[in-house]
Amino acid sequence: MLPRSLPSDVSQKRLAKAFEKVGFIVSVSGGKGGHYKLIDPKSKKFITLQGNVYKLVLKNKLKQAEELGYDATEIMRKY
């Protein structure tokens, strides 16, 4: 379940570290340009994280993580 309140502007590096703490593999060179590739080691699926992570983008990325079986509130706690 998504957290009720989300920050409006999130740092790409800090969010990538939060995803890494819950089990994702962060590939800086895997994405195009300044994008990061967050790889789920279980399913080998990935989430692309862009440089500017606004509220709507953050909500979308957390939903994608939930579809892969991760807890969005836990990710935001690690942020």
N, C-alpha and C. Protein backbone atom coordinates (compact mmCIF):
# COMPACT_ATOMS: atom_id res chain seq x y z
N MET A 1 0.84 -1.18 0.00
CA MET A 1 0.00 0.00 0.00
C MET A 1 0.89 1.25 0.00
N LEU A 2 0.52 2.20 -0.82
CA LEU A 2 1.31 3.42 -0.92
C LEU A 2 1.14 4.29 0.32
N PRO A 3 2.21 4.99 0.73
CA PRO A 3 2.09 5.91 1.86
C PRO A 3 1.13 7.05 1.53
N ARG A 4 0.49 7.59 2.56
CA ARG A 4 -0.48 8.67 2.34
C ARG A 4 0.16 9.92 1.78
N SER A 5 1.26 10.34 2.38
CA SER A 5 1.92 11.56 1.89
C SER A 5 3.28 11.20 1.31
N LEU A 6 3.55 11.78 0.17
CA LEU A 6 4.82 11.57 -0.52
C LEU A 6 5.52 12.92 -0.68
N PRO A 7 6.85 12.96 -0.60
CA PRO A 7 7.55 14.22 -0.82
C PRO A 7 7.38 14.69 -2.26
N SER A 8 7.43 16.00 -2.46
CA SER A 8 7.17 16.54 -3.79
C SER A 8 8.38 16.42 -4.73
N ASP A 9 9.57 16.51 -4.21
CA ASP A 9 10.76 16.42 -5.05
C ASP A 9 11.77 15.52 -4.34
N VAL A 10 12.19 14.46 -5.00
CA VAL A 10 13.02 13.43 -4.38
C VAL A 10 14.35 13.33 -5.12
N SER A 11 15.42 13.14 -4.38
CA SER A 11 16.74 12.96 -4.97
C SER A 11 16.85 11.58 -5.60
N GLN A 12 17.34 11.54 -6.83
CA GLN A 12 17.50 10.27 -7.55
C GLN A 12 18.45 9.33 -6.80
N LYS A 13 19.56 9.86 -6.30
CA LYS A 13 20.55 9.03 -5.61
C LYS A 13 19.99 8.46 -4.31
N ARG A 14 19.30 9.31 -3.53
CA ARG A 14 18.75 8.83 -2.26
C ARG A 14 17.67 7.78 -2.48
N LEU A 15 16.84 7.98 -3.49
CA LEU A 15 15.79 7.01 -3.78
C LEU A 15 16.39 5.69 -4.27
N ALA A 16 17.44 5.78 -5.08
CA ALA A 16 18.12 4.57 -5.56
C ALA A 16 18.71 3.79 -4.38
N LYS A 17 19.26 4.50 -3.40
CA LYS A 17 19.82 3.84 -2.21
C LYS A 17 18.71 3.18 -1.40
N ALA A 18 17.55 3.81 -1.32
CA ALA A 18 16.41 3.22 -0.60
C ALA A 18 15.96 1.94 -1.28
N PHE A 19 15.88 1.95 -2.60
CA PHE A 19 15.52 0.74 -3.35
C PHE A 19 16.58 -0.35 -3.13
N GLU A 20 17.84 0.06 -3.07
CA GLU A 20 18.93 -0.90 -2.87
C GLU A 20 18.82 -1.55 -1.48
N LYS A 21 18.43 -0.77 -0.48
CA LYS A 21 18.31 -1.29 0.89
C LYS A 21 17.21 -2.33 1.03
N VAL A 22 16.19 -2.27 0.17
CA VAL A 22 15.12 -3.27 0.26
C VAL A 22 15.36 -4.47 -0.67
N GLY A 23 16.45 -4.44 -1.43
CA GLY A 23 16.79 -5.63 -2.20
C GLY A 23 17.03 -5.46 -3.68
N PHE A 24 16.80 -4.28 -4.24
CA PHE A 24 17.04 -4.06 -5.66
C PHE A 24 18.54 -3.93 -5.92
N ILE A 25 18.95 -4.24 -7.13
CA ILE A 25 20.32 -4.00 -7.58
C ILE A 25 20.29 -2.72 -8.40
N VAL A 26 21.13 -1.75 -8.04
CA VAL A 26 21.15 -0.46 -8.73
C VAL A 26 22.27 -0.46 -9.76
N SER A 27 21.90 -0.24 -11.01
CA SER A 27 22.87 -0.17 -12.10
C SER A 27 22.87 1.24 -12.66
N VAL A 28 23.96 1.97 -12.39
CA VAL A 28 24.08 3.34 -12.88
C VAL A 28 24.37 3.34 -14.37
N SER A 29 25.13 2.36 -14.82
CA SER A 29 25.51 2.31 -16.24
C SER A 29 24.46 1.60 -17.09
N GLY A 30 23.49 0.96 -16.46
CA GLY A 30 22.48 0.20 -17.21
C GLY A 30 21.43 1.06 -17.88
N GLY A 31 21.18 2.24 -17.33
CA GLY A 31 20.17 3.12 -17.91
C GLY A 31 20.78 4.04 -18.95
N LYS A 32 19.93 4.67 -19.73
CA LYS A 32 20.42 5.59 -20.76
C LYS A 32 20.64 6.97 -20.15
N GLY A 33 21.73 7.60 -20.50
CA GLY A 33 22.02 8.95 -20.02
C GLY A 33 22.15 8.98 -18.51
N GLY A 34 21.34 9.82 -17.86
CA GLY A 34 21.38 9.96 -16.41
C GLY A 34 20.40 9.06 -15.68
N HIS A 35 19.79 8.14 -16.38
CA HIS A 35 18.81 7.24 -15.77
C HIS A 35 19.50 6.09 -15.04
N TYR A 36 18.89 5.64 -13.94
CA TYR A 36 19.36 4.47 -13.20
C TYR A 36 18.45 3.31 -13.53
N LYS A 37 19.01 2.12 -13.49
CA LYS A 37 18.23 0.90 -13.72
C LYS A 37 18.18 0.15 -12.39
N LEU A 38 16.99 -0.03 -11.83
CA LEU A 38 16.81 -0.75 -10.57
C LEU A 38 16.32 -2.15 -10.91
N ILE A 39 17.15 -3.15 -10.66
CA ILE A 39 16.86 -4.52 -11.08
C ILE A 39 16.40 -5.34 -9.89
N ASP A 40 15.28 -6.03 -10.05
CA ASP A 40 14.78 -6.96 -9.04
C ASP A 40 15.52 -8.28 -9.23
N PRO A 41 16.32 -8.72 -8.24
CA PRO A 41 17.10 -9.94 -8.43
C PRO A 41 16.26 -11.21 -8.56
N LYS A 42 15.05 -11.20 -8.01
CA LYS A 42 14.21 -12.41 -8.07
C LYS A 42 13.62 -12.63 -9.47
N SER A 43 13.01 -11.58 -10.01
CA SER A 43 12.31 -11.73 -11.29
C SER A 43 13.12 -11.24 -12.48
N LYS A 44 14.24 -10.55 -12.22
CA LYS A 44 15.09 -9.96 -13.26
C LYS A 44 14.39 -8.83 -14.02
N LYS A 45 13.24 -8.37 -13.51
CA LYS A 45 12.57 -7.22 -14.12
C LYS A 45 13.22 -5.97 -13.55
N PHE A 46 13.03 -4.85 -14.26
CA PHE A 46 13.69 -3.64 -13.79
C PHE A 46 12.75 -2.43 -13.83
N ILE A 47 13.13 -1.43 -13.06
CA ILE A 47 12.45 -0.14 -13.01
C ILE A 47 13.48 0.90 -13.42
N THR A 48 13.13 1.77 -14.35
CA THR A 48 14.03 2.84 -14.77
C THR A 48 13.73 4.07 -13.94
N LEU A 49 14.77 4.63 -13.34
CA LEU A 49 14.62 5.80 -12.47
C LEU A 49 15.27 7.00 -13.14
N GLN A 50 14.47 7.99 -13.46
CA GLN A 50 14.97 9.17 -14.14
C GLN A 50 15.62 10.14 -13.16
N GLY A 51 16.25 11.18 -13.69
CA GLY A 51 16.97 12.14 -12.86
C GLY A 51 16.07 12.96 -11.96
N ASN A 52 15.02 13.55 -12.51
CA ASN A 52 14.10 14.36 -11.72
C ASN A 52 12.92 13.51 -11.30
N VAL A 53 12.87 13.20 -10.00
CA VAL A 53 11.81 12.33 -9.50
C VAL A 53 10.78 13.21 -8.78
N TYR A 54 9.72 13.54 -9.49
CA TYR A 54 8.64 14.34 -8.92
C TYR A 54 7.62 13.42 -8.27
N LYS A 55 6.64 14.01 -7.59
CA LYS A 55 5.66 13.25 -6.82
C LYS A 55 4.94 12.20 -7.65
N LEU A 56 4.48 12.55 -8.82
CA LEU A 56 3.75 11.62 -9.68
C LEU A 56 4.65 10.48 -10.16
N VAL A 57 5.89 10.80 -10.48
CA VAL A 57 6.86 9.79 -10.91
C VAL A 57 7.17 8.85 -9.75
N LEU A 58 7.35 9.42 -8.56
CA LEU A 58 7.63 8.62 -7.36
C LEU A 58 6.50 7.64 -7.09
N LYS A 59 5.27 8.13 -7.19
CA LYS A 59 4.10 7.27 -6.98
C LYS A 59 4.10 6.11 -7.97
N ASN A 60 4.41 6.40 -9.23
CA ASN A 60 4.47 5.39 -10.28
C ASN A 60 5.55 4.34 -9.99
N LYS A 61 6.74 4.79 -9.58
CA LYS A 61 7.85 3.87 -9.30
C LYS A 61 7.54 2.99 -8.09
N LEU A 62 6.87 3.55 -7.08
CA LEU A 62 6.50 2.76 -5.91
C LEU A 62 5.44 1.72 -6.27
N LYS A 63 4.52 2.08 -7.16
CA LYS A 63 3.51 1.12 -7.62
C LYS A 63 4.18 -0.03 -8.37
N GLN A 64 5.17 0.29 -9.20
CA GLN A 64 5.90 -0.74 -9.93
C GLN A 64 6.62 -1.67 -8.96
N ALA A 65 7.19 -1.11 -7.91
CA ALA A 65 7.88 -1.93 -6.91
C ALA A 65 6.90 -2.84 -6.18
N GLU A 66 5.70 -2.32 -5.90
CA GLU A 66 4.67 -3.14 -5.24
C GLU A 66 4.24 -4.30 -6.13
N GLU A 67 4.16 -4.06 -7.43
CA GLU A 67 3.80 -5.13 -8.37
C GLU A 67 4.85 -6.24 -8.37
N LEU A 68 6.08 -5.89 -8.02
CA LEU A 68 7.16 -6.89 -7.95
C LEU A 68 7.24 -7.54 -6.57
N GLY A 69 6.36 -7.13 -5.65
CA GLY A 69 6.30 -7.77 -4.34
C GLY A 69 6.98 -7.02 -3.21
N TYR A 70 7.35 -5.77 -3.42
CA TYR A 70 8.01 -4.98 -2.39
C TYR A 70 6.99 -4.07 -1.70
N ASP A 71 7.33 -3.61 -0.50
CA ASP A 71 6.45 -2.74 0.27
C ASP A 71 6.87 -1.28 0.06
N ALA A 72 5.96 -0.47 -0.47
CA ALA A 72 6.26 0.92 -0.78
C ALA A 72 6.56 1.73 0.47
N THR A 73 5.84 1.46 1.56
CA THR A 73 6.09 2.21 2.80
C THR A 73 7.48 1.89 3.35
N GLU A 74 7.93 0.66 3.18
CA GLU A 74 9.27 0.28 3.63
C GLU A 74 10.33 1.01 2.80
N ILE A 75 10.10 1.14 1.52
CA ILE A 75 11.04 1.87 0.65
C ILE A 75 11.14 3.32 1.09
N MET A 76 9.99 3.94 1.38
CA MET A 76 10.00 5.34 1.80
C MET A 76 10.59 5.50 3.20
N ARG A 77 10.46 4.49 4.05
CA ARG A 77 11.09 4.54 5.37
C ARG A 77 12.61 4.52 5.23
N LYS A 78 13.11 3.78 4.26
CA LYS A 78 14.55 3.70 4.03
C LYS A 78 15.09 4.96 3.37
N TYR A 79 14.20 5.75 2.76
CA TYR A 79 14.60 6.98 2.10
C TYR A 79 15.06 7.97 3.15
